[in-house]
């Protein structure tokens, strides 16, 4: 019985829930909506409006909405409407609320300025109904205005003013100069008497063409197109001018032509100036003359140099197969063997320093030229580019060459004149940029003295002029065998090997004759590495130190020539018995 009672209660609750959601809630929403609409001056939904008119003593402005929601002017002229502005106007009208009813059945409308109102708003709805709102005088209290519906005797008071609705024709009219997508444009042409401009897009790349042929900066071109795309007409001057010469448009100062990927063209002519208001202009396919602001005209004053690519060299690091550097002192050729393995072929066949190669390519990718000096190279010798002092080139995996040549410097020596192959432009680069790119053979070569695996070394011998120290490894532990057996500092053996593996030379002199001051005939100390008791594979002999630059003279046993090594690489080696002892 208990179960049946509970089930019955559940049925009742479910029934009440359905009643609330299906009956009470819709009724409540309807009641709230009716209450809200009752407070409106002009109950309407802007989406249901097909036409509205702004009527004042001087002019009637009428706008119509088509079936797809686009608005257009039909009176006093035919033109496209400014949809955001129209939507804003209708939203303001839709949300207009009455503060109170002044008179339910007013007999004397003239005292409210509503007998012959100077301003009306007529609204036509899609279903054919029509309402007209009359706007009268401002109330004496301020901040409110008298108004009424044309077919309703009640005079209302609302917190608004005529200026909220009395908008000029310009407000409702479409002020777009161009209607295009900046990403679809593939040709730009600006015609002027002095500095014509031509930009052409080929796939994803832009090119400056004409009197100058060079790569264009894609970002600069897109910024220019966006500035055009979002520019607006400042003022409409004349719908059908009798003479274009009045506006300087018979012989325009500037003509802009754009073409998109579908061969659609957009064009504008810029004429004379109207005082400080702006410049006269007209679009292709439209007879009207309008004004543009100074900012828009300045945008069209761009020259070829404004669009030229200031990135010194564009490339993908993974696609570089070869680096060539030519200076008055040396010629360097470095070749990629594998992904992270480079070899220098000239001036000497040695391994390249991978970190320096990566640093060079990174600096080159980030390098910018300082400025464009001359757009057409009339006289190469005036910049020293007929016989360049420096050249830098990358050979790509597809065989293409990207080359930069540098000639003379400016009088102060801070800038170098340069040129890219295949381009006519002369530019300048800073001394700092030049130094980052034109690395020396010494910088690019691998300067490590030794290359070995620390686990392969089983014995280290350090020999000074007075003592011989022999370290032996057993498992992972190092012990001193000579001059006497003893435990050594825990990481001493590993530290010596790490120091040997990381050691770099500062310079290498490939000569048989070693200067006497080096004292390498009787070195200060020697360090030799062994893989087994009889398998010595490397020995470094260290001589005197040049106190001026704090560099040691050194030799590798069996190699021709000698090295100079910075003191910091040799300071960590133990040369006395106390340095081996544990604490």
Protein backbone atom coordinates (compact mmCIF):
# COMPACT_ATOMS: atom_id res chain seq x y z
CA UNK A 1 0.00 0.00 0.00
CA UNK A 2 2.90 2.28 0.85
CA UNK A 3 4.41 1.72 -2.58
CA UNK A 4 1.14 2.57 -4.33
CA UNK A 5 0.91 5.84 -2.37
CA UNK A 6 4.44 6.86 -3.27
CA UNK A 7 3.86 6.06 -6.93
CA UNK A 8 0.70 8.15 -6.86
CA UNK A 9 2.55 11.09 -5.37
CA UNK A 10 5.21 10.79 -8.08
CA UNK A 11 2.54 10.92 -10.78
CA UNK A 12 1.08 14.05 -9.19
CA UNK A 13 4.49 15.77 -9.00
CA UNK A 14 5.32 14.86 -12.61
CA UNK A 15 1.96 16.17 -13.69
CA UNK A 16 2.53 19.45 -11.85
CA UNK A 17 5.98 19.74 -13.45
CA UNK A 18 4.54 19.26 -16.92
CA UNK A 19 1.81 21.81 -16.19
CA UNK A 20 4.37 24.37 -14.99
CA UNK A 21 6.67 23.98 -17.99
CA UNK A 22 3.90 23.67 -20.58
CA UNK A 23 1.34 26.14 -19.21
CA UNK A 24 2.52 28.36 -16.36
CA UNK A 25 6.05 29.15 -17.64
CA UNK A 26 4.97 30.15 -21.21
CA UNK A 27 2.16 32.20 -19.71
CA UNK A 28 4.60 33.92 -17.34
CA UNK A 29 7.01 34.64 -20.19
CA UNK A 30 4.17 36.01 -22.28
CA UNK A 31 3.04 38.20 -19.39
CA UNK A 32 6.58 39.57 -18.87
CA UNK A 33 6.95 40.20 -22.60
CA UNK A 34 3.61 42.04 -22.71
CA UNK A 35 4.69 44.10 -19.70
CA UNK A 36 8.00 44.92 -21.36
CA UNK A 37 6.33 45.84 -24.68
CA UNK A 38 3.77 47.97 -22.83
CA UNK A 39 6.61 50.14 -21.58
CA UNK A 40 7.96 50.72 -25.08
CA UNK A 41 7.15 53.88 -26.96
CA UNK A 42 7.01 52.03 -30.26
CA UNK A 43 6.44 48.28 -29.74
CA UNK A 44 8.36 46.59 -32.51
CA UNK A 45 10.92 43.98 -33.41
CA UNK A 46 13.56 45.43 -35.72
CA UNK A 47 13.80 42.13 -37.59
CA UNK A 48 10.19 42.56 -38.75
CA UNK A 49 10.75 46.02 -40.28
CA UNK A 50 10.75 46.23 -44.07
CA UNK A 51 11.13 50.03 -44.40
CA UNK A 52 11.53 53.14 -42.29
CA UNK A 53 11.72 56.86 -43.01
CA UNK A 54 13.21 59.83 -41.21
CA UNK A 55 11.00 62.81 -42.04
CA UNK A 56 11.91 66.38 -41.21
CA UNK A 57 11.19 69.76 -42.80
CA UNK A 58 14.23 69.68 -45.07
CA UNK A 59 14.30 66.10 -46.28
CA UNK A 60 12.83 62.63 -46.10
CA UNK A 61 15.29 59.74 -45.85
CA UNK A 62 13.85 56.30 -46.62
CA UNK A 63 15.56 52.94 -46.27
CA UNK A 64 14.33 49.50 -47.33
CA UNK A 65 15.40 46.02 -46.31
CA UNK A 66 15.52 43.23 -48.89
CA UNK A 67 14.79 39.55 -48.34
CA UNK A 68 18.38 38.74 -47.34
CA UNK A 69 18.60 41.48 -44.74
CA UNK A 70 20.56 44.10 -46.69
CA UNK A 71 19.49 47.73 -46.36
CA UNK A 72 19.50 50.35 -49.11
CA UNK A 73 18.54 53.98 -49.46
CA UNK A 74 15.61 54.72 -51.78
CA UNK A 75 15.04 58.38 -50.94
CA UNK A 76 16.33 61.08 -51.53
CA UNK A 77 18.73 58.94 -53.63
CA UNK A 78 19.44 55.31 -54.32
CA UNK A 79 22.51 53.89 -52.61
CA UNK A 80 23.63 51.05 -50.38
CA UNK A 81 22.96 51.45 -46.69
CA UNK A 82 25.45 51.39 -43.85
CA UNK A 83 24.17 48.23 -42.13
CA UNK A 84 25.96 48.63 -38.74
CA UNK A 85 24.71 52.23 -38.44
CA UNK A 86 21.17 51.25 -39.46
CA UNK A 87 21.14 48.36 -36.98
CA UNK A 88 22.31 50.73 -34.25
CA UNK A 89 19.57 53.25 -35.10
CA UNK A 90 16.82 50.59 -35.05
CA UNK A 91 18.11 49.16 -31.76
CA UNK A 92 17.89 52.63 -30.19
CA UNK A 93 14.35 53.01 -31.57
CA UNK A 94 13.35 49.52 -30.42
CA UNK A 95 14.61 50.09 -26.86
CA UNK A 96 12.99 53.56 -26.47
CA UNK A 97 10.84 53.50 -23.31
CA UNK A 98 8.24 55.98 -22.11
CA UNK A 99 8.87 57.66 -18.77
CA UNK A 100 5.16 58.39 -18.29
CA UNK A 101 1.95 59.33 -20.04
CA UNK A 102 1.58 63.13 -19.93
CA UNK A 103 -1.99 63.21 -21.29
CA UNK A 104 -4.11 60.27 -22.35
CA UNK A 105 -6.21 62.34 -24.72
CA UNK A 106 -4.40 65.60 -25.41
CA UNK A 107 -6.47 68.37 -27.02
CA UNK A 108 -3.74 70.98 -27.42
CA UNK A 109 -0.80 69.31 -29.14
CA UNK A 110 0.93 72.57 -30.04
CA UNK A 111 2.13 73.10 -26.47
CA UNK A 112 4.16 69.90 -26.85
CA UNK A 113 5.42 70.73 -30.32
CA UNK A 114 3.31 67.88 -31.72
CA UNK A 115 0.67 69.79 -33.71
CA UNK A 116 2.94 70.16 -36.73
CA UNK A 117 6.06 68.26 -35.61
CA UNK A 118 9.28 68.99 -37.42
CA UNK A 119 10.48 65.42 -37.04
CA UNK A 120 8.80 62.04 -37.66
CA UNK A 121 9.86 58.41 -37.89
CA UNK A 122 7.63 56.22 -40.05
CA UNK A 123 8.05 52.44 -39.79
CA UNK A 124 6.60 49.86 -42.18
CA UNK A 125 6.46 46.22 -41.20
CA UNK A 126 6.87 43.12 -43.33
CA UNK A 127 3.20 42.20 -42.89
CA UNK A 128 2.13 45.62 -44.20
CA UNK A 129 1.31 47.47 -40.99
CA UNK A 130 2.68 50.98 -40.49
CA UNK A 131 3.39 53.17 -37.46
CA UNK A 132 4.58 56.78 -37.28
CA UNK A 133 6.27 58.33 -34.27
CA UNK A 134 6.08 62.11 -33.81
CA UNK A 135 8.84 63.85 -31.87
CA UNK A 136 8.01 67.23 -30.31
CA UNK A 137 9.64 69.70 -27.95
CA UNK A 138 12.10 69.04 -25.16
CA UNK A 139 10.40 69.07 -21.75
CA UNK A 140 11.12 72.00 -19.38
CA UNK A 141 12.73 69.54 -16.93
CA UNK A 142 15.41 68.67 -19.50
CA UNK A 143 16.70 65.28 -20.57
CA UNK A 144 13.31 64.20 -21.89
CA UNK A 145 11.14 64.89 -24.93
CA UNK A 146 7.43 64.87 -25.77
CA UNK A 147 6.32 62.37 -28.36
CA UNK A 148 3.29 60.42 -29.56
CA UNK A 149 2.19 57.85 -32.08
CA UNK A 150 0.36 59.40 -35.02
CA UNK A 151 -2.90 57.46 -34.52
CA UNK A 152 -2.88 57.54 -30.73
CA UNK A 153 -4.11 60.60 -28.76
CA UNK A 154 -1.79 60.01 -25.81
CA UNK A 155 1.22 62.30 -25.33
CA UNK A 156 4.22 60.52 -23.86
CA UNK A 157 7.42 61.60 -22.18
CA UNK A 158 10.65 59.69 -22.88
CA UNK A 159 14.26 60.05 -21.75
CA UNK A 160 15.73 60.81 -25.16
CA UNK A 161 16.31 63.70 -27.57
CA UNK A 162 15.87 64.43 -31.25
CA UNK A 163 19.63 64.18 -31.77
CA UNK A 164 19.40 60.44 -30.98
CA UNK A 165 17.24 60.00 -34.09
CA UNK A 166 17.70 63.05 -36.31
CA UNK A 167 20.57 61.57 -38.29
CA UNK A 168 21.89 63.05 -41.56
CA UNK A 169 21.80 61.16 -44.84
CA UNK A 170 25.54 60.46 -44.47
CA UNK A 171 24.87 58.45 -41.30
CA UNK A 172 22.73 55.86 -43.13
CA UNK A 173 24.68 55.70 -46.36
CA UNK A 174 27.32 53.03 -47.01
CA UNK A 175 30.71 54.73 -46.69
CA UNK A 176 32.80 51.79 -47.86
CA UNK A 177 35.38 52.79 -50.46
CA UNK A 178 36.36 49.27 -51.45
CA UNK A 179 34.59 45.99 -50.86
CA UNK A 180 37.27 43.34 -51.18
CA UNK A 181 39.20 40.80 -49.13
CA UNK A 182 42.85 41.81 -48.69
CA UNK A 183 43.90 38.18 -49.05
CA UNK A 184 42.35 37.91 -52.53
CA UNK A 185 44.22 40.81 -54.16
CA UNK A 186 47.08 39.78 -56.46
CA UNK A 187 47.95 43.05 -58.20
CA UNK A 188 48.39 46.63 -56.97
CA UNK A 189 49.16 49.59 -59.21
CA UNK A 190 49.52 53.21 -58.13
CA UNK A 191 49.95 55.72 -60.93
CA UNK A 192 51.53 59.06 -60.11
CA UNK A 193 53.53 61.55 -62.10
CA UNK A 194 56.77 60.82 -60.24
CA UNK A 195 56.75 57.51 -58.38
CA UNK A 196 54.61 54.77 -59.97
CA UNK A 197 54.21 51.61 -57.95
CA UNK A 198 53.56 48.05 -59.12
CA UNK A 199 53.12 45.06 -56.84
CA UNK A 200 52.37 41.56 -58.11
CA UNK A 201 51.54 38.47 -56.09
CA UNK A 202 52.83 35.12 -57.30
CA UNK A 203 51.33 32.36 -55.13
CA UNK A 204 52.23 33.42 -51.58
CA UNK A 205 55.01 35.84 -52.50
CA UNK A 206 54.79 39.52 -53.47
CA UNK A 207 57.13 41.17 -55.95
CA UNK A 208 57.89 44.82 -56.68
CA UNK A 209 57.98 45.18 -60.46
CA UNK A 210 58.49 47.91 -63.05
CA UNK A 211 61.46 50.26 -62.77
CA UNK A 212 62.45 48.22 -59.71
CA UNK A 213 62.43 44.42 -59.61
CA UNK A 214 62.79 42.94 -56.15
CA UNK A 215 61.02 40.89 -53.51
CA UNK A 216 58.34 42.70 -51.56
CA UNK A 217 57.67 42.44 -47.85
CA UNK A 218 54.46 40.41 -47.62
CA UNK A 219 53.51 41.92 -44.25
CA UNK A 220 53.98 45.46 -45.56
CA UNK A 221 51.76 44.74 -48.59
CA UNK A 222 49.01 43.16 -46.47
CA UNK A 223 49.10 46.08 -44.01
CA UNK A 224 48.72 48.46 -46.97
CA UNK A 225 45.75 46.49 -48.37
CA UNK A 226 44.05 46.34 -44.97
CA UNK A 227 44.43 50.11 -44.61
CA UNK A 228 42.62 50.49 -47.95
CA UNK A 229 40.00 47.88 -47.09
CA UNK A 230 38.94 49.59 -43.87
CA UNK A 231 39.13 53.18 -45.09
CA UNK A 232 35.85 55.09 -45.33
CA UNK A 233 34.39 57.95 -47.36
CA UNK A 234 34.60 61.14 -45.34
CA UNK A 235 31.92 63.12 -47.15
CA UNK A 236 29.73 62.79 -50.26
CA UNK A 237 30.34 65.84 -52.46
CA UNK A 238 28.33 65.46 -55.67
CA UNK A 239 26.21 62.62 -57.05
CA UNK A 240 26.52 63.61 -60.72
CA UNK A 241 29.11 66.37 -61.23
CA UNK A 242 28.83 68.47 -64.37
CA UNK A 243 32.58 68.72 -64.74
CA UNK A 244 35.39 66.64 -63.25
CA UNK A 245 37.89 69.44 -63.76
CA UNK A 246 36.25 71.33 -60.89
CA UNK A 247 37.56 68.63 -58.61
CA UNK A 248 40.86 67.95 -60.36
CA UNK A 249 39.60 64.53 -61.41
CA UNK A 250 39.93 65.04 -65.18
CA UNK A 251 43.69 64.73 -64.61
CA UNK A 252 43.95 62.92 -61.28
CA UNK A 253 47.09 63.25 -59.17
CA UNK A 254 46.89 59.61 -58.08
CA UNK A 255 45.13 56.58 -59.53
CA UNK A 256 44.94 53.32 -57.59
CA UNK A 257 44.02 50.06 -59.31
CA UNK A 258 43.59 46.69 -57.61
CA UNK A 259 42.86 43.31 -59.16
CA UNK A 260 41.84 40.15 -57.31
CA UNK A 261 42.40 36.51 -58.16
CA UNK A 262 39.04 36.38 -60.01
CA UNK A 263 40.09 39.31 -62.24
CA UNK A 264 37.70 41.71 -60.48
CA UNK A 265 39.13 45.22 -60.54
CA UNK A 266 38.83 48.09 -58.07
CA UNK A 267 39.91 51.60 -58.90
CA UNK A 268 39.90 55.07 -57.37
CA UNK A 269 41.10 58.45 -58.64
CA UNK A 270 42.34 61.17 -56.30
CA UNK A 271 42.02 64.80 -57.39
CA UNK A 272 42.45 68.18 -55.77
CA UNK A 273 42.14 69.25 -52.17
CA UNK A 274 39.01 70.76 -50.61
CA UNK A 275 40.43 73.22 -48.11
CA UNK A 276 41.35 71.23 -45.00
CA UNK A 277 38.39 68.87 -45.35
CA UNK A 278 40.09 66.27 -47.50
CA UNK A 279 40.67 65.31 -51.13
CA UNK A 280 38.20 64.80 -53.96
CA UNK A 281 37.92 61.24 -55.23
CA UNK A 282 35.75 58.96 -57.33
CA UNK A 283 35.50 55.20 -57.78
CA UNK A 284 35.37 53.11 -60.90
CA UNK A 285 31.77 52.45 -61.95
CA UNK A 286 30.33 55.29 -59.87
CA UNK A 287 29.72 58.86 -61.16
CA UNK A 288 29.71 60.45 -57.70
CA UNK A 289 32.49 62.58 -56.23
CA UNK A 290 33.30 62.15 -52.56
CA UNK A 291 35.97 63.21 -50.08
CA UNK A 292 38.70 61.07 -48.58
CA UNK A 293 40.75 62.11 -45.57
CA UNK A 294 44.43 62.99 -45.61
CA UNK A 295 45.35 59.66 -43.99
CA UNK A 296 43.92 57.71 -46.93
CA UNK A 297 45.79 59.85 -49.44
CA UNK A 298 49.02 59.47 -47.46
CA UNK A 299 48.54 55.71 -47.66
CA UNK A 300 48.66 56.02 -51.45
CA UNK A 301 51.91 58.02 -51.26
CA UNK A 302 53.79 54.78 -50.69
CA UNK A 303 56.85 54.21 -52.85
CA UNK A 304 58.61 51.09 -54.04
CA UNK A 305 61.13 51.30 -51.20
CA UNK A 306 58.32 51.13 -48.63
CA UNK A 307 57.45 47.62 -49.80
CA UNK A 308 60.89 46.17 -50.49
CA UNK A 309 61.82 43.20 -48.35
CA UNK A 310 64.21 44.26 -45.61
CA UNK A 311 65.00 40.70 -44.59
CA UNK A 312 68.52 40.25 -45.88
CA UNK A 313 68.04 36.67 -47.07
CA UNK A 314 64.97 34.43 -46.98
CA UNK A 315 65.54 30.70 -46.60
CA UNK A 316 64.75 27.59 -44.58
CA UNK A 317 67.72 26.33 -42.58
CA UNK A 318 66.96 22.69 -43.40
CA UNK A 319 67.22 23.45 -47.14
CA UNK A 320 70.76 24.89 -46.98
CA UNK A 321 73.33 22.54 -48.53
CA UNK A 322 76.40 24.77 -48.78
CA UNK A 323 77.82 28.03 -47.40
CA UNK A 324 80.33 30.16 -49.31
CA UNK A 325 82.08 33.19 -47.83
CA UNK A 326 84.53 35.35 -49.78
CA UNK A 327 86.56 38.17 -48.25
CA UNK A 328 89.82 39.84 -49.26
CA UNK A 329 91.63 37.57 -46.79
CA UNK A 330 90.09 34.15 -47.34
CA UNK A 331 87.61 31.96 -49.21
CA UNK A 332 85.50 29.59 -47.14
CA UNK A 333 83.39 26.70 -48.41
CA UNK A 334 81.37 24.63 -45.94
CA UNK A 335 79.21 21.68 -47.00
CA UNK A 336 76.45 19.88 -45.16
CA UNK A 337 77.26 16.15 -44.99
CA UNK A 338 74.25 15.12 -42.92
CA UNK A 339 71.55 16.94 -40.98
CA UNK A 340 73.83 18.13 -38.17
CA UNK A 341 77.20 17.40 -39.69
CA UNK A 342 79.09 20.09 -41.64
CA UNK A 343 82.55 19.91 -43.16
CA UNK A 344 84.73 22.83 -44.27
CA UNK A 345 86.35 22.12 -47.65
CA UNK A 346 88.17 25.46 -48.11
CA UNK A 347 90.62 26.89 -47.20
CA UNK A 348 91.35 23.58 -45.46
CA UNK A 349 89.47 20.31 -45.10
CA UNK A 350 88.43 20.20 -41.44
CA UNK A 351 85.28 19.51 -39.43
CA UNK A 352 83.02 22.49 -38.87
CA UNK A 353 81.83 23.69 -35.49
CA UNK A 354 78.13 22.80 -35.50
CA UNK A 355 77.14 25.39 -32.90
CA UNK A 356 78.81 28.18 -34.89
CA UNK A 357 77.21 27.04 -38.16
CA UNK A 358 73.77 27.09 -36.48
CA UNK A 359 74.53 30.50 -34.99
CA UNK A 360 75.58 31.85 -38.40
CA UNK A 361 72.42 30.60 -40.14
CA UNK A 362 70.23 31.94 -37.33
CA UNK A 363 71.88 35.38 -37.48
CA UNK A 364 71.52 35.41 -41.27
CA UNK A 365 67.82 34.52 -41.09
CA UNK A 366 67.21 37.33 -38.60
CA UNK A 367 69.42 39.92 -40.36
CA UNK A 368 67.81 43.08 -41.76
CA UNK A 369 69.24 45.60 -44.14
CA UNK A 370 69.46 49.15 -42.80
CA UNK A 371 67.92 51.06 -45.70
CA UNK A 372 67.56 51.10 -49.47
CA UNK A 373 70.06 53.54 -50.98
CA UNK A 374 69.17 53.35 -54.65
CA UNK A 375 66.35 51.52 -56.37
CA UNK A 376 68.12 51.08 -59.67
CA UNK A 377 71.84 50.39 -59.88
CA UNK A 378 72.94 52.97 -62.46
CA UNK A 379 76.58 52.97 -61.49
CA UNK A 380 77.87 49.93 -59.61
CA UNK A 381 81.38 51.33 -59.23
CA UNK A 382 80.16 54.26 -57.13
CA UNK A 383 79.23 51.72 -54.44
CA UNK A 384 82.13 49.37 -55.02
CA UNK A 385 79.76 46.66 -56.22
CA UNK A 386 81.46 46.14 -59.58
CA UNK A 387 84.38 44.64 -57.65
CA UNK A 388 82.81 43.59 -54.35
CA UNK A 389 85.05 43.21 -51.32
CA UNK A 390 82.82 40.60 -49.69
CA UNK A 391 80.33 38.03 -50.96
CA UNK A 392 78.16 35.54 -49.12
CA UNK A 393 76.06 32.82 -50.72
CA UNK A 394 73.93 29.88 -49.75
CA UNK A 395 73.48 26.96 -52.08
CA UNK A 396 70.15 25.25 -51.51
CA UNK A 397 69.35 21.58 -51.87
CA UNK A 398 67.56 22.33 -55.15
CA UNK A 399 70.75 23.89 -56.54
CA UNK A 400 69.59 27.51 -56.37
CA UNK A 401 72.02 30.18 -55.14
CA UNK A 402 71.16 33.07 -52.85
CA UNK A 403 73.96 35.64 -52.89
CA UNK A 404 74.74 38.96 -51.21
CA UNK A 405 77.67 41.14 -52.21
CA UNK A 406 79.11 44.03 -50.21
CA UNK A 407 81.13 46.91 -51.61
CA UNK A 408 82.35 50.19 -50.14
CA UNK A 409 81.49 51.62 -46.76
CA UNK A 410 79.92 54.96 -45.95
CA UNK A 411 82.30 57.77 -45.04
CA UNK A 412 82.00 57.04 -41.33
CA UNK A 413 82.64 53.32 -41.96
CA UNK A 414 79.49 52.27 -40.08
CA UNK A 415 77.54 50.96 -43.09
CA UNK A 416 78.38 48.73 -46.06
CA UNK A 417 76.71 49.10 -49.46
CA UNK A 418 75.22 45.83 -50.66
CA UNK A 419 73.17 44.13 -53.33
CA UNK A 420 71.36 40.83 -53.77
CA UNK A 421 71.88 38.92 -57.00
CA UNK A 422 68.93 39.16 -59.37
CA UNK A 423 67.86 42.54 -57.95
CA UNK A 424 68.64 46.08 -59.06
CA UNK A 425 68.39 47.70 -55.63
CA UNK A 426 71.39 48.91 -53.64
CA UNK A 427 71.02 48.83 -49.86
CA UNK A 428 73.15 49.27 -46.76
CA UNK A 429 73.87 46.93 -43.87
CA UNK A 430 75.39 47.75 -40.53
CA UNK A 431 78.91 46.86 -39.46
CA UNK A 432 77.39 44.63 -36.79
CA UNK A 433 75.29 42.69 -39.34
CA UNK A 434 78.29 42.27 -41.60
CA UNK A 435 80.38 40.84 -38.74
CA UNK A 436 77.63 38.38 -37.76
CA UNK A 437 77.44 36.99 -41.30
CA UNK A 438 81.03 37.06 -42.52
CA UNK A 439 82.53 34.60 -40.04
CA UNK A 440 86.18 33.63 -40.36
CA UNK A 441 87.56 30.18 -41.07
CA UNK A 442 88.81 30.03 -37.50
CA UNK A 443 85.34 30.79 -36.12
CA UNK A 444 83.63 28.19 -38.30
CA UNK A 445 86.08 25.32 -37.85
CA UNK A 446 85.78 22.81 -35.06
CA UNK A 447 88.30 23.99 -32.42
CA UNK A 448 88.12 20.96 -30.17
CA UNK A 449 91.60 19.46 -29.68
CA UNK A 450 90.35 15.98 -28.81
CA UNK A 451 87.33 13.82 -29.51
CA UNK A 452 86.88 10.64 -27.52
CA UNK A 453 84.45 8.79 -25.26
CA UNK A 454 85.36 9.20 -21.59
CA UNK A 455 84.32 5.61 -20.84
CA UNK A 456 87.02 4.33 -23.26
CA UNK A 457 89.88 5.90 -21.27
CA UNK A 458 91.42 3.62 -18.61
CA UNK A 459 94.64 5.49 -17.79
CA UNK A 460 95.73 9.16 -17.54
CA UNK A 461 99.36 10.24 -17.18
CA UNK A 462 100.24 13.80 -16.17
CA UNK A 463 103.96 14.48 -16.36
CA UNK A 464 105.57 17.68 -15.07
CA UNK A 465 109.26 18.57 -15.10
CA UNK A 466 109.53 17.19 -11.55
CA UNK A 467 106.87 14.48 -11.18
CA UNK A 468 104.89 11.86 -13.06
CA UNK A 469 101.33 11.14 -11.95
CA UNK A 470 99.59 7.99 -13.21
CA UNK A 471 95.84 7.59 -12.74
CA UNK A 472 94.27 4.16 -13.30
CA UNK A 473 90.57 3.35 -13.62
CA UNK A 474 89.03 0.26 -12.07
CA UNK A 475 85.35 0.00 -12.92
CA UNK A 476 84.17 3.56 -12.38
CA UNK A 477 86.73 4.45 -9.70
CA UNK A 478 90.01 6.28 -10.33
CA UNK A 479 93.13 5.74 -8.18
CA UNK A 480 96.66 7.16 -8.23
CA UNK A 481 99.38 4.55 -8.88
CA UNK A 482 102.40 6.84 -9.26
CA UNK A 483 104.35 8.42 -7.66
CA UNK A 484 102.56 6.36 -4.95
CA UNK A 485 99.35 4.43 -4.56
CA UNK A 486 96.53 6.39 -2.99
CA UNK A 487 92.85 7.27 -3.29
CA UNK A 488 92.10 10.48 -5.14
CA UNK A 489 89.26 13.00 -5.11
CA UNK A 490 86.05 11.27 -6.15
CA UNK A 491 85.49 13.03 -9.50
CA UNK A 492 89.09 13.97 -10.30
CA UNK A 493 89.55 11.45 -13.14
CA UNK A 494 86.26 12.41 -14.78
CA UNK A 495 87.02 16.13 -14.40
CA UNK A 496 90.33 15.72 -16.22
CA UNK A 497 88.64 13.87 -19.11
CA UNK A 498 85.81 16.42 -19.35
CA UNK A 499 88.40 19.21 -19.45
CA UNK A 500 90.31 17.41 -22.22
CA UNK A 501 87.13 16.77 -24.21
CA UNK A 502 85.92 20.37 -23.91
CA UNK A 503 89.28 22.02 -24.59
CA UNK A 504 89.41 24.42 -27.56
CA UNK A 505 92.36 26.16 -29.15
CA UNK A 506 92.37 29.90 -29.71
CA UNK A 507 94.68 29.71 -32.74
CA UNK A 508 96.66 27.14 -34.66
CA UNK A 509 99.98 27.86 -36.38
CA UNK A 510 100.80 25.18 -38.95
CA UNK A 511 104.59 25.55 -39.01
CA UNK A 512 107.50 23.22 -38.33
CA UNK A 513 109.42 25.92 -36.49
CA UNK A 514 108.16 26.60 -32.98
CA UNK A 515 109.24 29.91 -31.40
CA UNK A 516 111.73 29.62 -28.57
CA UNK A 517 109.52 31.49 -26.14
CA UNK A 518 106.95 28.67 -26.46
CA UNK A 519 109.38 26.34 -24.61
CA UNK A 520 107.77 23.26 -26.18
CA UNK A 521 111.10 21.40 -26.52
CA UNK A 522 110.98 21.05 -22.75
CA UNK A 523 107.25 21.45 -21.92
CA UNK A 524 105.97 22.48 -18.49
CA UNK A 525 103.73 19.41 -18.41
CA UNK A 526 102.23 16.69 -20.56
CA UNK A 527 98.88 14.92 -20.37
CA UNK A 528 98.42 11.57 -22.12
CA UNK A 529 95.31 9.40 -22.43
CA UNK A 530 95.37 5.60 -22.70
CA UNK A 531 92.79 2.98 -23.56
CA UNK A 532 94.89 0.23 -22.00
CA UNK A 533 98.40 -0.05 -20.48
CA UNK A 534 100.03 0.11 -23.94
CA UNK A 535 97.37 2.00 -25.93
CA UNK A 536 98.20 5.69 -25.73
CA UNK A 537 96.01 7.57 -28.23
CA UNK A 538 96.53 11.23 -27.33
CA UNK A 539 99.14 13.43 -25.69
CA UNK A 540 99.00 17.17 -25.09
CA UNK A 541 102.29 18.97 -24.45
CA UNK A 542 101.96 22.36 -22.73
CA UNK A 543 104.73 24.93 -22.83
CA UNK A 544 105.11 28.52 -21.68
CA UNK A 545 102.28 31.04 -21.18
CA UNK A 546 102.13 34.33 -23.08
CA UNK A 547 101.34 36.63 -20.17
CA UNK A 548 100.08 39.39 -22.47
CA UNK A 549 97.02 37.47 -23.66
CA UNK A 550 97.06 34.65 -21.05
CA UNK A 551 97.39 31.89 -23.65
CA UNK A 552 99.55 28.78 -23.39
CA UNK A 553 101.62 27.38 -26.22
CA UNK A 554 100.81 23.71 -26.78
CA UNK A 555 101.37 20.79 -29.15
CA UNK A 556 99.70 17.47 -29.81
CA UNK A 557 102.20 14.68 -30.09
CA UNK A 558 102.73 13.58 -33.69
CA UNK A 559 101.05 16.68 -35.22
CA UNK A 560 102.74 19.41 -37.22
CA UNK A 561 102.38 22.96 -35.89
CA UNK A 562 101.43 24.32 -32.49
CA UNK A 563 98.38 25.75 -30.69
CA UNK A 564 97.60 28.66 -28.45
CA UNK A 565 95.12 27.75 -25.71
CA UNK A 566 93.41 30.04 -23.22
CA UNK A 567 94.57 29.65 -19.65
CA UNK A 568 91.06 28.75 -18.39
CA UNK A 569 91.18 25.38 -20.21
CA UNK A 570 94.40 24.30 -18.41
CA UNK A 571 93.89 25.64 -14.89
CA UNK A 572 91.83 22.65 -13.79
CA UNK A 573 94.56 20.00 -14.31
CA UNK A 574 96.24 18.76 -11.07
CA UNK A 575 100.02 19.28 -11.21
CA UNK A 576 100.99 18.59 -7.58
CA UNK A 577 100.41 15.65 -5.25
CA UNK A 578 98.27 17.73 -2.89
CA UNK A 579 95.76 18.36 -5.70
CA UNK A 580 95.11 14.60 -5.94
CA UNK A 581 94.52 13.99 -2.26
CA UNK A 582 91.07 13.58 -0.78
CA UNK A 583 89.97 16.09 1.81
